[in-house]
């Protein structure tokens, strides 16, 4: 898996240096969205109906991303890549690394202070265009996740070390909707068994069935290159041993061209694995290649 990480970082580094002449003319700037923590195109916390690229119906696009979330007691890094085909299908891969605090490492006598999770994603645009159709763009997708070790998940009472989330997302851009500024919103319904995105396993003694969680994003384009907004992600409570809170963030994104974007956010994750008030900074970069 280390070889996969090196390859992804190499691709990402190349994309960061991509020249503007590589940019496709198929879509408006910012309509490819950002890179989501689990690898899909969308916001930071929430997958959108948009695909992870600026490809038109005649193009194929690729992207790579790096994300770091540093909160009070934990740090989560996610790297990955995605490809979108003919503005219809998106394939994505991400590897998450969750760093635990020293107190948990010592208390559980862990050999490693990291939890790793691999995520494979597929998204299909069903109909609509986020900008040009009168109704929202709608897509369906799945994210299959696999932990590298089930020790902590089993210790907390999780039933499985792998799982698959299914979701449907709707995204719409309203041109000049608020005081002349463009407005974008997204609503996603996710069927999931995941505990803390799957980092603490799947299912548990309180629930081992799929539950539908709602997720949403809203943003305003202050200019063609700057977007501000906020996100919300509802979370299940499957584990009686640890509390799980909903997630929120407030973000600002800079998109200088179709080859690169960077996002900074203030994230509030609530209680995570017994640690309360997990708040901090979210940083993410995505590069695109056509």
Foldseek 3Di string as FASTA:
>chain_A
DVVVVVVLVVVQVVLVPDDQVQADPQDAFCQQAAADQQWFTHYPPDHALHGNASAALQDKKKKWKWKWWAWDFKIKIKIWMKMDHSRFKIKIKMKMKIFGHPVVCVVVVPPDRIKIKIKIKMKGFDDDGQEPDPFWTKMKMKIKMAIPDLVQLVVQFADFRIDMKIKMKTKHWDQLPPVRWIKIKMKMKIWAQADPNSSSHGAGPQGRGTDIWIKMWMWIDPDSFKIKIKIKTADDARTPRFDFGIKMKTKMKGGPHRFKIKMKIWIFRAGDPNDGGTIDMMIMMMGMGD
